[in-house]
Amino acid sequence: MKFYTTLFLAIGCLYTHSIMAQDENTEAESTSGKSAEVAKADPDSSGVVKDRLSPTSTPVLLFSDAEEEENKEKKKKKKKKRKKNVYFGIKTKKTMIKHSFRDQVTYQVFHITYKNQEVDPYIRDIYWYDSKNKAIKNKNFDPSKGYLLHGPYERRIDDTVVETGMYFYGTKHGRWMTYDAKNILLDKLHYSRGWPKESRITYYNREEKKIERMTPIEYELKEGNFYHFFQDGSLAVSGEYHHGERVGTWTEYWHTPNHQLIRKREIKYQDEPFTKNHKPYIRAEWDKEGNLVYRNDS
């Protein structure tokens, strides 16, 4: 009898220890899961940038390529008849948006491509057609919601053409012209796959095309995304200009030997240009390993 009593007590102890161990594991998993959720929910928990894409090419090459492409297109047109709705070798679909306001009707005639490509992350304005809302947008391109503009573009008010240009995979390309209601030329700008041709580029070595800084210029004002690179080509600083003013968040990056992109500091500027009484401030800082060391939530 004493033997069975001892056996039952031993089995009871083992069962109790097993339940306690399961509870500890469950609690540990729950804590680990919560930590992962917090890290995932907090974008500042790590300065390492994992979703950054590399630029497709350098602006100086794009500018020269644009002129060559325009010349090739002209030569092709002379030699043989252009294939319908084919631009830069890509088949497109002609589309139109019609808007009426009071006694005026505005038409936007453009082309879209079903061939989606990764857009250049260094270009700020990517133009695409939102097929659901029937609108042309230039932010947050989503291939599941629409298509990149590719080919000629024309905007008319009634029968008068007020704007013409060309798109290359969602970026303004070549010559863009705007007119008044009497068809008198108001403005003419040149682009190369999204970069204004007035943009300023400085080099570490011009012959080797080692770019130091890229500053987009429109109408003699800084307008668009600014980039500064280290001598090995990795990104050092990125930010945005609007009407010649720094806006939004400007980011500085650590110079890493393996080209890993790690944020060093973020400086918060005004959201809109010419905002009164706004003083830029350091929003957050990270160490060389990407650990958050400072944050200002104001």
Foldseek 3Di string as FASTA:
>chain_A
DVVVVVVVVVVVVVVVVVVVVVVVVVVVVVVVVVVVVVPVVDPQQFQFDDPDDDFPDDVVVLVVVQVVQVVVVVVVVVVDPDDPCADPNAHWDWDKDWDDDDPKIKIKIFIFGLDADDAGPQFQFFWWAQVVVRDIGGDDDDSVGTTGTAAKMWMDIVPHTAKIFGAHRRATAAKIWGADPVRHTDDIWHDRNRATPVWDWDAPDVVVPQTAKTFGDDPNAGAFKIWGADSVGATAKIFGDHRNHTAAKIWGFDDDPVSGTGTAWIKHDHHDPPDPPDDIDTAWGADPRGGTDDGDPD
